C-alpha atoms as a PDB file:
ATOM      1  CA  MET A   1       0.000   0.000   0.000  1.00  0.00           C
ATOM      2  CA  PRO A   2       1.592   3.325  -0.943  1.00  0.00           C
ATOM      3  CA  ARG A   3       2.785   5.349   2.005  1.00  0.00           C
ATOM      4  CA  LEU A   4       0.690   8.361   0.911  1.00  0.00           C
ATOM      5  CA  MET A   5      -2.482   6.219   0.984  1.00  0.00           C
ATOM      6  CA  LYS A   6      -1.656   4.969   4.467  1.00  0.00           C
ATOM      7  CA  LYS A   7      -1.130   8.481   5.747  1.00  0.00           C
ATOM      8  CA  GLY A   8      -4.394   9.597   4.165  1.00  0.00           C
ATOM      9  CA  LEU A   9      -6.345   6.724   5.711  1.00  0.00           C
ATOM     10  CA  HIS A  10      -4.705   7.280   9.064  1.00  0.00           C
ATOM     11  CA  LYS A  11      -5.480  10.998   8.963  1.00  0.00           C
ATOM     12  CA  THR A  12      -9.076  10.336   7.902  1.00  0.00           C
ATOM     13  CA  GLY A  13      -9.570   7.911  10.776  1.00  0.00           C
ATOM     14  CA  LEU A  14      -8.008  10.284  13.260  1.00  0.00           C
ATOM     15  CA  LEU A  15     -10.117  13.166  11.975  1.00  0.00           C
ATOM     16  CA  LEU A  16     -13.358  11.176  12.232  1.00  0.00           C
ATOM     17  CA  GLY A  17     -12.448   9.959  15.693  1.00  0.00           C
ATOM     18  CA  CYS A  18     -11.444  13.413  16.910  1.00  0.00           C
ATOM     19  CA  LEU A  19     -14.622  15.002  15.578  1.00  0.00           C
ATOM     20  CA  LEU A  20     -16.750  12.377  17.245  1.00  0.00           C
ATOM     21  CA  VAL A  21     -14.907  12.623  20.543  1.00  0.00           C
ATOM     22  CA  ALA A  22     -15.032  16.420  20.443  1.00  0.00           C
ATOM     23  CA  SER A  23     -18.781  16.425  19.900  1.00  0.00           C
ATOM     24  CA  LEU A  24     -19.307  13.907  22.717  1.00  0.00           C
ATOM     25  CA  VAL A  25     -17.047  15.833  25.108  1.00  0.00           C
ATOM     26  CA  SER A  26     -18.712  19.098  24.189  1.00  0.00           C
ATOM     27  CA  ALA A  27     -22.122  17.630  24.841  1.00  0.00           C
ATOM     28  CA  GLN A  28     -21.033  16.246  28.216  1.00  0.00           C
ATOM     29  CA  ALA A  29     -19.118  19.358  29.291  1.00  0.00           C
ATOM     30  CA  ASN A  30     -22.012  21.713  28.595  1.00  0.00           C
ATOM     31  CA  PRO A  31     -25.136  19.880  29.673  1.00  0.00           C
ATOM     32  CA  PRO A  32     -28.190  21.761  28.435  1.00  0.00           C
ATOM     33  CA  LYS A  33     -31.089  22.588  30.737  1.00  0.00           C
ATOM     34  CA  ALA A  34     -33.652  20.767  28.582  1.00  0.00           C
ATOM     35  CA  LEU A  35     -33.203  17.471  26.811  1.00  0.00           C
ATOM     36  CA  PRO A  36     -31.207  17.949  23.625  1.00  0.00           C
ATOM     37  CA  LEU A  37     -32.961  17.154  20.403  1.00  0.00           C
ATOM     38  CA  ALA A  38     -32.044  13.788  19.036  1.00  0.00           C
ATOM     39  CA  GLN A  39     -30.904  13.649  15.442  1.00  0.00           C
ATOM     40  CA  ASP A  40     -32.980  12.065  12.751  1.00  0.00           C
ATOM     41  CA  PRO A  41     -32.504   8.277  13.067  1.00  0.00           C
ATOM     42  CA  ARG A  42     -32.121   7.952   9.300  1.00  0.00           C
ATOM     43  CA  GLU A  43     -29.162  10.343   9.399  1.00  0.00           C
ATOM     44  CA  ILE A  44     -27.576   8.385  12.229  1.00  0.00           C
ATOM     45  CA  ILE A  45     -28.014   5.155  10.289  1.00  0.00           C
ATOM     46  CA  LYS A  46     -26.453   6.751   7.196  1.00  0.00           C
ATOM     47  CA  PHE A  47     -23.530   7.921   9.333  1.00  0.00           C
ATOM     48  CA  LEU A  48     -22.998   4.476  10.851  1.00  0.00           C
ATOM     49  CA  THR A  49     -23.300   2.841   7.426  1.00  0.00           C
ATOM     50  CA  LYS A  50     -20.582   5.134   6.079  1.00  0.00           C
ATOM     51  CA  ILE A  51     -18.336   4.337   9.042  1.00  0.00           C
ATOM     52  CA  VAL A  52     -18.780   0.577   8.583  1.00  0.00           C
ATOM     53  CA  SER A  53     -18.158   0.883   4.822  1.00  0.00           C
ATOM     54  CA  TRP A  54     -15.029   2.918   5.488  1.00  0.00           C
ATOM     55  CA  HIS A  55     -13.840   0.310   8.011  1.00  0.00           C
ATOM     56  CA  ARG A  56     -14.397  -2.508   5.526  1.00  0.00           C
ATOM     57  CA  GLN A  57     -12.574  -0.573   2.787  1.00  0.00           C
ATOM     58  CA  LEU A  58      -9.664   0.038   5.120  1.00  0.00           C
ATOM     59  CA  ALA A  59      -9.584  -3.661   5.982  1.00  0.00           C
ATOM     60  CA  SER A  60      -9.430  -4.689   2.331  1.00  0.00           C
ATOM     61  CA  GLU A  61      -6.643  -2.181   1.676  1.00  0.00           C
ATOM     62  CA  GLN A  62      -4.713  -3.487   4.655  1.00  0.00           C
ATOM     63  CA  GLN A  63      -4.742  -6.974   3.182  1.00  0.00           C
ATOM     64  CA  ILE A  64      -2.668  -5.804   0.236  1.00  0.00           C
ATOM     65  CA  ALA A  65      -0.153  -3.922   2.376  1.00  0.00           C
ATOM     66  CA  GLN A  66       3.428  -5.058   2.189  1.00  0.00           C
ATOM     67  CA  ALA A  67       5.147  -6.777   5.082  1.00  0.00           C
ATOM     68  CA  SER A  68       7.325  -3.697   5.644  1.00  0.00           C
ATOM     69  CA  ASP A  69       4.172  -1.692   6.346  1.00  0.00           C
ATOM     70  CA  SER A  70       2.933  -3.965   9.141  1.00  0.00           C
ATOM     71  CA  THR A  71       3.485  -1.404  11.921  1.00  0.00           C
ATOM     72  CA  ALA A  72       1.526   1.278  10.092  1.00  0.00           C
ATOM     73  CA  VAL A  73      -1.188  -1.230   9.192  1.00  0.00           C
ATOM     74  CA  GLN A  74      -1.562  -2.288  12.824  1.00  0.00           C
ATOM     75  CA  GLU A  75      -1.758   1.339  13.959  1.00  0.00           C
ATOM     76  CA  ASN A  76      -4.330   2.126  11.257  1.00  0.00           C
ATOM     77  CA  ARG A  77      -6.386  -0.894  12.322  1.00  0.00           C
ATOM     78  CA  ARG A  78      -6.278   0.202  15.975  1.00  0.00           C
ATOM     79  CA  VAL A  79      -7.381   3.731  15.090  1.00  0.00           C
ATOM     80  CA  ALA A  80     -10.082   2.446  12.729  1.00  0.00           C
ATOM     81  CA  ASP A  81     -11.462   0.177  15.446  1.00  0.00           C
ATOM     82  CA  GLN A  82     -11.576   3.125  17.848  1.00  0.00           C
ATOM     83  CA  VAL A  83     -13.401   5.253  15.282  1.00  0.00           C
ATOM     84  CA  VAL A  84     -15.998   2.530  14.766  1.00  0.00           C
ATOM     85  CA  GLN A  85     -16.454   2.067  18.508  1.00  0.00           C
ATOM     86  CA  LEU A  86     -16.914   5.802  19.032  1.00  0.00           C
ATOM     87  CA  ALA A  87     -19.372   5.998  16.147  1.00  0.00           C
ATOM     88  CA  PHE A  88     -21.507   3.246  17.644  1.00  0.00           C
ATOM     89  CA  GLU A  89     -21.326   4.874  21.086  1.00  0.00           C
ATOM     90  CA  TYR A  90     -22.653   8.013  19.440  1.00  0.00           C
ATOM     91  CA  GLY A  91     -25.431   6.029  17.764  1.00  0.00           C
ATOM     92  CA  ARG A  92     -26.407   4.420  21.063  1.00  0.00           C
ATOM     93  CA  SER A  93     -26.447   7.777  22.844  1.00  0.00           C
ATOM     94  CA  GLN A  94     -28.677   9.178  20.095  1.00  0.00           C
ATOM     95  CA  ALA A  95     -31.016   6.201  20.522  1.00  0.00           C
ATOM     96  CA  VAL A  96     -31.228   6.962  24.251  1.00  0.00           C
ATOM     97  CA  LEU A  97     -31.984  10.601  23.470  1.00  0.00           C
ATOM     98  CA  GLN A  98     -34.623   9.535  20.961  1.00  0.00           C
ATOM     99  CA  ALA A  99     -36.282   7.342  23.577  1.00  0.00           C
ATOM    100  CA  LYS A 100     -36.324  10.215  26.093  1.00  0.00           C
ATOM    101  CA  GLN A 101     -37.878  12.697  23.671  1.00  0.00           C
ATOM    102  CA  PRO A 102     -41.472  13.449  24.609  1.00  0.00           C
ATOM    103  CA  LEU A 103     -44.025  12.987  21.876  1.00  0.00           C
ATOM    104  CA  THR A 104     -44.969  16.412  20.582  1.00  0.00           C
ATOM    105  CA  PRO A 105     -46.700  17.568  17.424  1.00  0.00           C
ATOM    106  CA  ALA A 106     -43.243  17.880  15.874  1.00  0.00           C
ATOM    107  CA  THR A 107     -42.543  14.235  16.717  1.00  0.00           C
ATOM    108  CA  PRO A 108     -44.506  11.988  14.391  1.00  0.00           C
ATOM    109  CA  VAL A 109     -46.587   9.274  15.980  1.00  0.00           C
ATOM    110  CA  PRO A 110     -45.922   5.896  14.371  1.00  0.00           C
ATOM    111  CA  GLN A 111     -48.447   5.095  11.692  1.00  0.00           C
ATOM    112  CA  ALA A 112     -49.087   1.677  10.267  1.00  0.00           C
ATOM    113  CA  ASP A 113     -49.041   2.821   6.650  1.00  0.00           C
ATOM    114  CA  GLY A 114     -46.443   5.635   6.692  1.00  0.00           C
ATOM    115  CA  ASP A 115     -42.685   5.470   6.490  1.00  0.00           C
ATOM    116  CA  THR A 116     -41.825   6.835   9.903  1.00  0.00           C
ATOM    117  CA  GLU A 117     -38.551   7.027  11.687  1.00  0.00           C
ATOM    118  CA  TYR A 118     -39.679   4.137  13.864  1.00  0.00           C
ATOM    119  CA  GLN A 119     -40.057   1.960  10.813  1.00  0.00           C
ATOM    120  CA  ALA A 120     -36.655   3.155   9.639  1.00  0.00           C
ATOM    121  CA  LEU A 121     -35.177   2.059  12.962  1.00  0.00           C
ATOM    122  CA  ALA A 122     -36.892  -1.324  12.694  1.00  0.00           C
ATOM    123  CA  GLN A 123     -35.512  -1.737   9.188  1.00  0.00           C
ATOM    124  CA  ALA A 124     -32.068  -0.737  10.416  1.00  0.00           C
ATOM    125  CA  ALA A 125     -32.284  -3.359  13.154  1.00  0.00           C
ATOM    126  CA  GLN A 126     -33.243  -5.980  10.566  1.00  0.00           C
ATOM    127  CA  GLN A 127     -30.333  -4.872   8.377  1.00  0.00           C
ATOM    128  CA  ALA A 128     -27.974  -5.114  11.346  1.00  0.00           C
ATOM    129  CA  ASP A 129     -29.208  -8.659  12.031  1.00  0.00           C
ATOM    130  CA  LYS A 130     -28.665  -9.512   8.370  1.00  0.00           C
ATOM    131  CA  ASP A 131     -25.150  -8.031   8.519  1.00  0.00           C
ATOM    132  CA  VAL A 132     -24.349 -10.239  11.523  1.00  0.00           C
ATOM    133  CA  THR A 133     -25.681 -13.326   9.744  1.00  0.00           C
ATOM    134  CA  ASP A 134     -23.784 -12.513   6.543  1.00  0.00           C
ATOM    135  CA  THR A 135     -20.563 -11.837   8.425  1.00  0.00           C
ATOM    136  CA  GLU A 136     -20.913 -15.082  10.382  1.00  0.00           C
ATOM    137  CA  ALA A 137     -21.407 -16.982   7.119  1.00  0.00           C
ATOM    138  CA  GLU A 138     -18.375 -15.280   5.590  1.00  0.00           C
ATOM    139  CA  LEU A 139     -16.296 -16.145   8.677  1.00  0.00           C
ATOM    140  CA  GLN A 140     -17.341 -19.811   8.437  1.00  0.00           C
ATOM    141  CA  SER A 141     -16.362 -19.815   4.770  1.00  0.00           C
ATOM    142  CA  VAL A 142     -12.930 -18.350   5.533  1.00  0.00           C
ATOM    143  CA  LEU A 143     -12.384 -20.843   8.360  1.00  0.00           C
ATOM    144  CA  ALA A 144     -13.299 -23.710   6.028  1.00  0.00           C
ATOM    145  CA  LYS A 145     -10.812 -22.448   3.431  1.00  0.00           C
ATOM    146  CA  LEU A 146      -8.169 -22.067   6.147  1.00  0.00           C
ATOM    147  CA  ALA A 147      -8.342 -25.763   6.960  1.00  0.00           C
ATOM    148  CA  SER A 148      -7.213 -26.748   3.467  1.00  0.00           C
ATOM    149  CA  ALA A 149      -5.117 -23.718   2.474  1.00  0.00           C
ATOM    150  CA  SER A 150      -1.449 -23.744   1.555  1.00  0.00           C
ATOM    151  CA  ALA A 151       1.047 -22.116   3.923  1.00  0.00           C
ATOM    152  CA  PRO A 152       1.248 -18.733   2.142  1.00  0.00           C
ATOM    153  CA  ASP A 153      -2.533 -18.479   1.946  1.00  0.00           C
ATOM    154  CA  LYS A 154      -3.012 -19.358   5.612  1.00  0.00           C
ATOM    155  CA  ASP A 155      -1.620 -16.014   6.806  1.00  0.00           C
ATOM    156  CA  ILE A 156      -4.040 -14.100   4.597  1.00  0.00           C
ATOM    157  CA  LEU A 157      -6.977 -16.269   5.654  1.00  0.00           C
ATOM    158  CA  ARG A 158      -6.062 -15.935   9.349  1.00  0.00           C
ATOM    159  CA  SER A 159      -5.979 -12.174   8.911  1.00  0.00           C
ATOM    160  CA  GLN A 160      -9.380 -12.243   7.201  1.00  0.00           C
ATOM    161  CA  ALA A 161     -10.805 -14.460   9.950  1.00  0.00           C
ATOM    162  CA  GLY A 162      -9.504 -12.100  12.638  1.00  0.00           C
ATOM    163  CA  GLU A 163     -10.961  -9.138  10.824  1.00  0.00           C
ATOM    164  CA  LEU A 164     -14.352 -10.827  10.483  1.00  0.00           C
ATOM    165  CA  GLN A 165     -14.329 -11.772  14.164  1.00  0.00           C
ATOM    166  CA  GLY A 166     -13.615  -8.130  14.998  1.00  0.00           C
ATOM    167  CA  GLU A 167     -16.486  -7.035  12.773  1.00  0.00           C
ATOM    168  CA  LEU A 168     -18.788  -9.484  14.506  1.00  0.00           C
ATOM    169  CA  GLY A 169     -17.736  -8.074  17.855  1.00  0.00           C
ATOM    170  CA  LEU A 170     -18.641  -4.585  16.666  1.00  0.00           C
ATOM    171  CA  LEU A 171     -21.910  -5.658  15.114  1.00  0.00           C
ATOM    172  CA  ARG A 172     -23.101  -7.471  18.234  1.00  0.00           C
END
């Protein structure tokens, strides 16, 4: 992986993590008198989807990194994992805020036939369950290949299995 790409990915991860931490610290340091308004759940889901996609892209790029880049790859992986963890902490805190929001005329009441934010959350939960199932299936496939792989391929497959196990840990 070119050194410039590694620096760019590392900087992107650090920037995302810093922005997320700064917003969380700011919110905790200056507690408002009234409950803060929760963000639109669809926007939170889009944000988390982008973070997971970025993490997966980073993982695939790390697989093609050269052996001499292993230290930078490990550091990038550590930072990327922290960014994902912080993003999901943010999502959980927004879900708590959403649950604490009183129903007002500005807050839509769930309707059976409309596409409400509650339905969007239910769909997101179903998608998350599907992601877990798909990732588990992919992990089983990699583990099956590992059993019969040649020595050079075993390192790559072990790395993929570790990555998938990490993803499962984040998804659960």
